[in-house]
Structure formats: C-alpha cells, structure tokens
Protein backbone atom coordinates (compact mmCIF):
# COMPACT_ATOMS: atom_id res chain seq x y z
CA UNK A 1 51.79 -31.12 -9.12
CA UNK A 2 51.42 -30.38 -5.41
CA UNK A 3 48.47 -28.46 -4.03
CA UNK A 4 46.90 -28.18 -0.57
CA UNK A 5 46.90 -31.87 0.40
CA UNK A 6 49.92 -34.10 0.44
CA UNK A 7 47.77 -37.24 0.23
CA UNK A 8 45.88 -35.90 -2.80
CA UNK A 9 49.09 -35.13 -4.68
CA UNK A 10 49.30 -38.74 -5.80
CA UNK A 11 45.69 -39.03 -6.97
CA UNK A 12 44.65 -38.77 -10.65
CA UNK A 13 43.45 -35.31 -11.58
CA UNK A 14 41.26 -34.59 -14.56
CA UNK A 15 39.40 -31.32 -15.15
CA UNK A 16 39.25 -27.98 -16.88
CA UNK A 17 41.97 -25.38 -16.57
CA UNK A 18 40.46 -21.91 -16.03
CA UNK A 19 41.57 -20.36 -12.75
CA UNK A 20 37.96 -19.71 -11.70
CA UNK A 21 36.50 -23.02 -12.90
CA UNK A 22 37.17 -26.72 -12.37
CA UNK A 23 35.24 -29.50 -14.04
CA UNK A 24 35.07 -33.19 -14.80
CA UNK A 25 32.98 -35.25 -17.24
CA UNK A 26 33.58 -38.98 -16.90
CA UNK A 27 32.04 -39.67 -20.33
CA UNK A 28 35.27 -38.33 -21.80
CA UNK A 29 37.33 -41.01 -20.00
CA UNK A 30 37.92 -44.75 -20.50
CA UNK A 31 35.43 -46.83 -18.54
CA UNK A 32 37.93 -48.43 -16.12
CA UNK A 33 39.10 -45.11 -14.67
CA UNK A 34 35.84 -43.15 -14.58
CA UNK A 35 35.03 -43.65 -10.93
CA UNK A 36 38.67 -43.24 -9.85
CA UNK A 37 38.74 -39.85 -11.58
CA UNK A 38 35.42 -38.89 -9.97
CA UNK A 39 36.66 -39.85 -6.53
CA UNK A 40 39.91 -37.89 -7.05
CA UNK A 41 37.91 -34.79 -8.05
CA UNK A 42 36.43 -34.60 -4.51
CA UNK A 43 39.29 -36.07 -2.49
CA UNK A 44 40.42 -35.37 0.21
CA UNK A 45 37.79 -32.80 1.23
CA UNK A 46 34.99 -35.30 0.60
CA UNK A 47 35.38 -39.08 0.36
CA UNK A 48 33.27 -40.82 -2.28
CA UNK A 49 32.36 -44.51 -2.50
CA UNK A 50 30.16 -46.52 -4.83
CA UNK A 51 26.94 -47.72 -3.19
CA UNK A 52 26.66 -51.42 -2.49
CA UNK A 53 25.48 -53.36 -5.51
CA UNK A 54 26.50 -50.72 -8.06
CA UNK A 55 27.19 -52.28 -11.46
CA UNK A 56 28.40 -50.86 -14.74
CA UNK A 57 30.20 -47.65 -15.65
CA UNK A 58 30.02 -44.65 -13.36
CA UNK A 59 28.79 -41.54 -15.11
CA UNK A 60 29.18 -38.11 -13.59
CA UNK A 61 29.61 -34.50 -14.65
CA UNK A 62 30.53 -31.70 -12.24
CA UNK A 63 31.58 -28.07 -12.54
CA UNK A 64 32.91 -25.86 -9.75
CA UNK A 65 32.97 -22.10 -10.33
CA UNK A 66 34.38 -19.49 -7.98
CA UNK A 67 32.34 -16.43 -7.09
CA UNK A 68 34.85 -14.60 -4.93
CA UNK A 69 35.13 -16.80 -1.83
CA UNK A 70 31.89 -18.67 -2.59
CA UNK A 71 31.90 -21.69 -4.93
CA UNK A 72 28.99 -22.66 -7.19
CA UNK A 73 28.68 -26.40 -7.79
CA UNK A 74 26.70 -28.02 -10.61
CA UNK A 75 26.53 -31.81 -10.73
CA UNK A 76 24.69 -34.59 -12.57
CA UNK A 77 25.86 -38.07 -11.62
CA UNK A 78 25.01 -41.65 -10.78
CA UNK A 79 24.22 -42.22 -7.09
CA UNK A 80 27.25 -42.45 -4.81
CA UNK A 81 28.00 -42.21 -1.10
CA UNK A 82 29.68 -38.95 -0.04
CA UNK A 83 31.26 -38.74 3.38
CA UNK A 84 33.17 -36.22 5.42
CA UNK A 85 34.08 -36.94 9.02
CA UNK A 86 32.60 -34.67 11.66
CA UNK A 87 35.05 -32.02 12.73
CA UNK A 88 37.26 -32.55 9.68
CA UNK A 89 36.48 -29.06 8.44
CA UNK A 90 37.86 -27.53 11.61
CA UNK A 91 41.05 -29.56 11.18
CA UNK A 92 41.71 -28.99 7.48
CA UNK A 93 40.24 -25.50 7.09
CA UNK A 94 37.45 -26.46 4.66
CA UNK A 95 34.51 -25.46 6.85
CA UNK A 96 32.20 -24.13 4.14
CA UNK A 97 28.43 -24.19 4.51
CA UNK A 98 26.35 -25.69 1.74
CA UNK A 99 23.05 -24.69 0.16
CA UNK A 100 21.89 -27.47 -2.18
CA UNK A 101 19.10 -27.53 -4.75
CA UNK A 102 17.85 -30.84 -6.13
CA UNK A 103 16.02 -31.35 -9.43
CA UNK A 104 13.19 -33.75 -10.24
CA UNK A 105 13.05 -36.25 -13.11
CA UNK A 106 11.69 -33.54 -15.43
CA UNK A 107 14.64 -31.28 -14.72
CA UNK A 108 12.66 -28.84 -12.58
CA UNK A 109 14.03 -27.43 -9.26
CA UNK A 110 12.50 -29.38 -6.38
CA UNK A 111 14.07 -29.33 -2.91
CA UNK A 112 16.37 -26.76 -1.29
CA UNK A 113 18.34 -27.97 1.72
CA UNK A 114 21.16 -26.86 4.02
CA UNK A 115 24.35 -28.72 4.87
CA UNK A 116 27.92 -28.10 5.92
CA UNK A 117 31.29 -29.53 4.96
CA UNK A 118 32.47 -29.06 8.55
CA UNK A 119 29.85 -31.42 9.99
CA UNK A 120 29.52 -34.13 7.38
CA UNK A 121 28.49 -32.52 4.09
CA UNK A 122 24.76 -32.82 4.82
CA UNK A 123 23.58 -35.80 2.74
CA UNK A 124 25.43 -39.11 2.38
CA UNK A 125 23.74 -40.49 -0.74
CA UNK A 126 23.63 -38.13 -3.70
CA UNK A 127 22.63 -38.75 -7.28
CA UNK A 128 20.93 -37.11 -10.21
CA UNK A 129 21.16 -33.41 -10.92
CA UNK A 130 21.74 -30.80 -8.26
CA UNK A 131 23.08 -27.30 -7.91
CA UNK A 132 24.70 -25.88 -4.82
CA UNK A 133 26.63 -23.02 -3.27
CA UNK A 134 29.57 -23.58 -0.94
CA UNK A 135 29.64 -20.54 1.34
CA UNK A 136 32.75 -19.25 3.14
CA UNK A 137 31.49 -18.75 6.75
CA UNK A 138 33.63 -15.71 7.44
CA UNK A 139 31.88 -13.90 4.59
CA UNK A 140 28.42 -14.33 6.14
CA UNK A 141 28.84 -14.67 9.92
CA UNK A 142 25.23 -13.52 10.38
CA UNK A 143 24.09 -16.89 8.98
CA UNK A 144 26.17 -19.01 11.37
CA UNK A 145 23.20 -19.77 13.61
CA UNK A 146 21.13 -20.93 10.63
CA UNK A 147 23.72 -23.45 9.45
CA UNK A 148 24.53 -24.61 12.98
CA UNK A 149 20.85 -25.40 13.58
CA UNK A 150 19.83 -27.13 10.34
CA UNK A 151 21.33 -30.25 8.76
CA UNK A 152 19.88 -31.62 5.51
CA UNK A 153 16.54 -29.99 6.35
CA UNK A 154 14.33 -29.11 3.36
CA UNK A 155 13.54 -25.40 3.18
CA UNK A 156 9.94 -24.67 2.23
CA UNK A 157 9.40 -21.00 3.07
CA UNK A 158 8.49 -18.44 0.40
CA UNK A 159 11.99 -16.83 0.52
CA UNK A 160 13.55 -20.29 0.15
CA UNK A 161 11.42 -20.98 -2.91
CA UNK A 162 12.56 -17.65 -4.32
CA UNK A 163 16.19 -18.65 -3.74
CA UNK A 164 15.55 -22.00 -5.43
CA UNK A 165 14.28 -20.17 -8.48
CA UNK A 166 17.17 -17.70 -8.65
CA UNK A 167 20.10 -20.11 -8.31
CA UNK A 168 19.56 -21.85 -11.70
CA UNK A 169 19.27 -18.48 -13.44
CA UNK A 170 22.51 -17.29 -11.88
CA UNK A 171 24.29 -20.52 -12.87
CA UNK A 172 23.03 -20.25 -16.44
CA UNK A 173 24.41 -16.71 -16.77
CA UNK A 174 27.92 -17.29 -15.42
CA UNK A 175 29.42 -18.09 -18.81
CA UNK A 176 28.62 -14.54 -19.89
CA UNK A 177 30.66 -12.86 -17.15
CA UNK A 178 34.39 -12.80 -16.44
CA UNK A 179 36.49 -13.19 -13.28
CA UNK A 180 36.55 -9.40 -12.82
CA UNK A 181 32.82 -9.54 -12.07
CA UNK A 182 33.28 -12.10 -9.27
CA UNK A 183 33.31 -9.60 -6.35
CA UNK A 184 29.98 -8.10 -7.44
CA UNK A 185 28.46 -11.53 -8.00
CA UNK A 186 29.68 -12.69 -4.60
CA UNK A 187 28.11 -9.62 -2.97
CA UNK A 188 24.83 -10.21 -4.81
CA UNK A 189 24.75 -13.88 -3.86
CA UNK A 190 25.61 -13.06 -0.24
CA UNK A 191 22.73 -10.58 -0.06
CA UNK A 192 20.35 -13.10 -1.60
CA UNK A 193 21.37 -15.85 0.82
CA UNK A 194 21.02 -13.54 3.81
CA UNK A 195 17.62 -12.28 2.73
CA UNK A 196 16.25 -15.78 2.13
CA UNK A 197 17.77 -17.64 5.07
CA UNK A 198 17.88 -15.24 8.02
CA UNK A 199 14.23 -15.86 8.85
CA UNK A 200 14.61 -19.64 9.04
CA UNK A 201 13.06 -21.18 12.17
CA UNK A 202 15.97 -22.41 14.32
CA UNK A 203 15.89 -25.38 16.67
CA UNK A 204 16.21 -24.21 20.31
CA UNK A 205 18.29 -27.24 21.32
CA UNK A 206 21.27 -26.07 19.26
CA UNK A 207 21.64 -22.62 20.85
CA UNK A 208 25.20 -23.24 22.08
CA UNK A 209 26.32 -24.64 18.71
CA UNK A 210 24.76 -21.64 16.98
CA UNK A 211 26.57 -19.20 19.26
CA UNK A 212 29.95 -20.88 18.86
CA UNK A 213 29.54 -21.10 15.09
CA UNK A 214 28.77 -17.39 14.91
CA UNK A 215 31.75 -16.53 17.09
CA UNK A 216 34.07 -18.79 15.10
CA UNK A 217 33.01 -17.30 11.77
CA UNK A 218 33.47 -13.78 13.11
CA UNK A 219 36.94 -14.49 14.54
CA UNK A 220 38.13 -16.22 11.35
CA UNK A 221 37.10 -13.12 9.41
CA UNK A 222 39.45 -11.06 11.59
CA UNK A 223 42.21 -13.68 11.29
CA UNK A 224 42.07 -13.61 7.49
CA UNK A 225 42.30 -9.81 7.43
CA UNK A 226 45.27 -9.74 9.82
CA UNK A 227 47.33 -12.75 8.70
CA UNK A 228 50.46 -10.71 8.02
CA UNK A 229 50.16 -8.55 11.14
CA UNK A 230 52.67 -9.38 13.90
CA UNK A 231 50.06 -8.06 16.34
CA UNK A 232 47.72 -10.96 15.48
CA UNK A 233 47.45 -12.38 18.98
CA UNK A 234 44.66 -13.90 21.06
CA UNK A 235 44.46 -10.65 23.00
CA UNK A 236 43.86 -8.67 19.81
CA UNK A 237 41.24 -11.14 18.61
CA UNK A 238 39.48 -10.94 21.98
CA UNK A 239 39.35 -7.16 21.61
CA UNK A 240 38.14 -7.20 18.01
CA UNK A 241 35.53 -9.95 18.46
CA UNK A 242 34.24 -8.66 21.79
CA UNK A 243 34.44 -12.04 23.56
CA UNK A 244 36.42 -13.40 26.49
CA UNK A 245 39.67 -15.31 26.12
CA UNK A 246 38.05 -18.49 27.46
CA UNK A 247 35.23 -18.20 24.90
CA UNK A 248 37.77 -17.67 22.14
CA UNK A 249 39.71 -20.81 23.03
CA UNK A 250 36.57 -22.90 23.54
CA UNK A 251 35.35 -22.04 20.02
CA UNK A 252 38.54 -23.41 18.44
CA UNK A 253 39.27 -26.34 20.74
CA UNK A 254 37.78 -28.91 18.26
CA UNK A 255 40.18 -27.59 15.59
CA UNK A 256 43.27 -28.28 17.68
CA UNK A 257 43.42 -24.77 19.07
CA UNK A 258 43.45 -21.20 17.81
CA UNK A 259 47.16 -21.28 16.97
CA UNK A 260 46.61 -24.26 14.65
CA UNK A 261 43.77 -22.47 12.85
CA UNK A 262 45.86 -19.34 12.33
CA UNK A 263 48.85 -21.30 11.02
CA UNK A 264 46.68 -23.35 8.66
CA UNK A 265 45.07 -20.26 7.14
CA UNK A 266 48.48 -18.60 6.80
CA UNK A 267 49.89 -21.62 4.99
CA UNK A 268 46.93 -21.92 2.63
CA UNK A 269 47.17 -18.23 1.76
CA UNK A 270 50.90 -18.65 1.09
CA UNK A 271 50.30 -21.70 -1.09
CA UNK A 272 47.71 -19.84 -3.17
CA UNK A 273 50.15 -16.96 -3.75
CA UNK A 274 53.08 -19.22 -4.62
CA UNK A 275 51.02 -21.34 -7.03
CA UNK A 276 49.68 -18.42 -9.09
CA UNK A 277 51.22 -18.28 -12.55
CA UNK A 278 51.83 -14.55 -12.02
CA UNK A 279 52.68 -14.91 -8.34
CA UNK A 280 55.73 -13.38 -6.66
CA UNK A 281 59.11 -15.09 -7.02
CA UNK A 282 60.30 -14.19 -3.52
CA UNK A 283 59.40 -16.91 -1.03
CA UNK A 284 60.46 -14.80 1.93
CA UNK A 285 58.19 -11.96 0.81
CA UNK A 286 55.22 -14.30 0.58
CA UNK A 287 56.05 -15.79 3.98
CA UNK A 288 56.25 -12.38 5.63
CA UNK A 289 53.02 -11.27 3.99
CA UNK A 290 51.16 -14.06 5.80
CA UNK A 291 52.95 -13.68 9.14
CA UNK A 292 55.97 -16.02 8.92
CA UNK A 293 59.12 -14.04 9.70
CA UNK A 294 61.51 -17.01 10.07
CA UNK A 295 62.15 -18.59 6.61
CA UNK A 296 63.22 -21.95 8.00
CA UNK A 297 60.11 -22.24 10.18
CA UNK A 298 57.97 -21.34 7.19
CA UNK A 299 59.56 -23.98 4.96
CA UNK A 300 59.24 -26.70 7.62
CA UNK A 301 55.59 -25.89 8.29
CA UNK A 302 54.84 -25.68 4.57
CA UNK A 303 56.41 -29.08 3.83
CA UNK A 304 54.64 -30.67 6.79
CA UNK A 305 51.25 -29.40 5.58
CA UNK A 306 51.53 -29.91 1.81
CA UNK A 307 54.26 -32.52 1.35
CA UNK A 308 56.43 -30.19 -0.76
CA UNK A 309 58.57 -27.08 -0.34
CA UNK A 310 57.67 -23.54 -1.43
CA UNK A 311 60.42 -23.73 -4.05
CA UNK A 312 58.85 -26.83 -5.57
CA UNK A 313 55.51 -25.05 -5.92
CA UNK A 314 57.16 -22.15 -7.75
CA UNK A 315 59.12 -24.55 -9.99
CA UNK A 316 55.86 -26.17 -11.11
CA UNK A 317 54.03 -22.95 -12.00
CA UNK A 318 54.44 -23.43 -15.74
CA UNK A 319 53.13 -26.99 -15.56
CA UNK A 320 50.21 -25.88 -13.38
CA UNK A 321 49.10 -23.38 -15.99
CA UNK A 322 48.64 -26.03 -18.67
CA UNK A 323 47.89 -29.24 -16.77
CA UNK A 324 44.36 -30.35 -16.05
CA UNK A 325 43.11 -28.82 -12.83
CA UNK A 326 42.14 -30.59 -9.61
CA UNK A 327 38.66 -30.21 -8.22
CA UNK A 328 37.05 -29.36 -4.90
CA UNK A 329 40.22 -28.68 -2.90
CA UNK A 330 41.51 -26.22 -5.50
CA UNK A 331 38.16 -24.39 -5.68
CA UNK A 332 37.87 -24.08 -1.89
CA UNK A 333 41.51 -22.98 -1.55
CA UNK A 334 40.88 -19.68 -3.35
CA UNK A 335 42.22 -16.74 -1.40
C-alpha cells in the first residue's frame, strides 16, 4: 500500500494496526528477515545499518504511539547504526525534535539527551532499551533555541531528572487511555517539556541557528493553520510572524524554499485525509481543503511526491485498515 514515501512503498512492512500505534517485534519473525523488517520500520526517515562485525540474529522491539502531534517511542534492540542526513528533515518534512531517555543494565532510567531528526537524529549508535519523544516543532516554538543549541548532550539539571522520571510513568499508563485523550496528553507533555527544558544553558555560538529555528517553527505553525486559505502568501506569513521577507526566505532556503515547504505540508495533509478509513470520497474536496484548486496540478504533485495517485490511495483504504502498519513515517505523518 502506498504511504508518504514512494521509495518505502516497496519495502517490507510489519507492525501493529491501531491508528495511534505502530510496533514491531522481530522475535515474531523468521531469522533471515528480522533485520530487513527492522530497517523497513524506520525507512526512509532514518536509515539503519548493522554495525561492523555484527553476527547472529538481530533482535529488536519498538513501539510508536501518537500523542496528538507528538510521538512516544519505546525501543529495546541490539546495537545498530542509525543515520539521517543533515538537512533531510527540511527536505522531507520530518523535522521533529527528539528527547531520548536511556536505561542502564538494571532497567533504571539513566541519561536524558536531546537530538533532532532534522540534523542527524542525535546519536548514530543505539542499542539496549530507551524511551523517547518525537516533538513537532510547530507545537513548541518556544523550545526551538534549546534544540538548535544542543545535540546529543546529556541533561543533568534537576528539572531534566524530573522529566526522566516522568516519561516512563507516562509510557506505562498509555494503554489505559484512548485516542480521545490524546489532545490532553499532548498538552500535558508539552507543558512538561517546556517546564523542564526552557532553562537549559544554551551555547552562545549557535545564536543564529537558534533564531532561525525559532522563526521556522513559528512560521510552520501558521502554514499548517492556513493550508486551505488562498491568502496563504509570503506577505501574509511576514505579517503574522512579524519578520521581514528576506528573513522568511533565508529560514527556508535549506529546504528548497518556502513554496516547497508549503506544498509538501499540503500534500502530506491531503494524503493523511485520503488514507483514513473514514476519510472523504471526494478528491477535489480534499485538494481544495489543503489549498489545491486545480485538480490536475494536485494529482501531478501528489504522484510526484508519493509515487501513486489520490484515487489509488482511496482504493486501498480497505486493505490499509487490516494490513500490518508501517512504522516511523506513518507515525510522523499524523495530521
């Protein structure tokens, strides 16, 4: 079934099928395909490779759970190399920040660290048990400077230790709540992250990166709210964000330009609507809702981005509802 990545559409996909949860346990698979399934679970947002000298079966278990626009990740796996090219997040729209919590050999929370999908995921070599939160930047623009300044830096402050203690308790309680509770949980998690991270000591050398990250997160928030508005123009974004036109374009130059970012977010929103089992049947209505008013232009752009047409996505709705779900891309593509 197609979903937001034409290259990923041909990869094996094994997981759980709830709309707010995606998971993989390689112990349930034949030995020869375990690592292939694990790699497909992260691809193409993150590329995974076995470390040099690895021998024997690969064992890994991961669960992704949506909390509104945030995604909670639990993982326990053999060591592997995880890679994401710098700037890729600006090009493919997966620019989430990452707060990761590692566990020691006794299963106790140990180190809390910050990373970012947009700049390389944070740590290359990961193994053992860890718990993390993938944060949608537009939901917490006040934290942009924190994530722009720190990369894979252990957090040792008292608020960080408090956050490290709360994340496992939140993860352990998620099975008791339903999708309807997600907005409240997202708000609670956002408040907790802000309270624990806003006081982090930033590195002065990254002032410009911090400023541009904050501006970008703020502008993307406005873009997402105005996707279907024909008045969504650079001039309107300049007015709403309170920055100059040159600053606006400079922020999005690494992503291929502001127009590319807007189109990508429109297409991903449209894909999410078309793929829902209870989604609308009218392609033109979905297209107009996200700002495409020429059906032929919408179909061409959609096929170019996802490798399939809007009609093909609708035709596969029934299969999507019962097939095993993909992993990271599907979780991050939530509207």
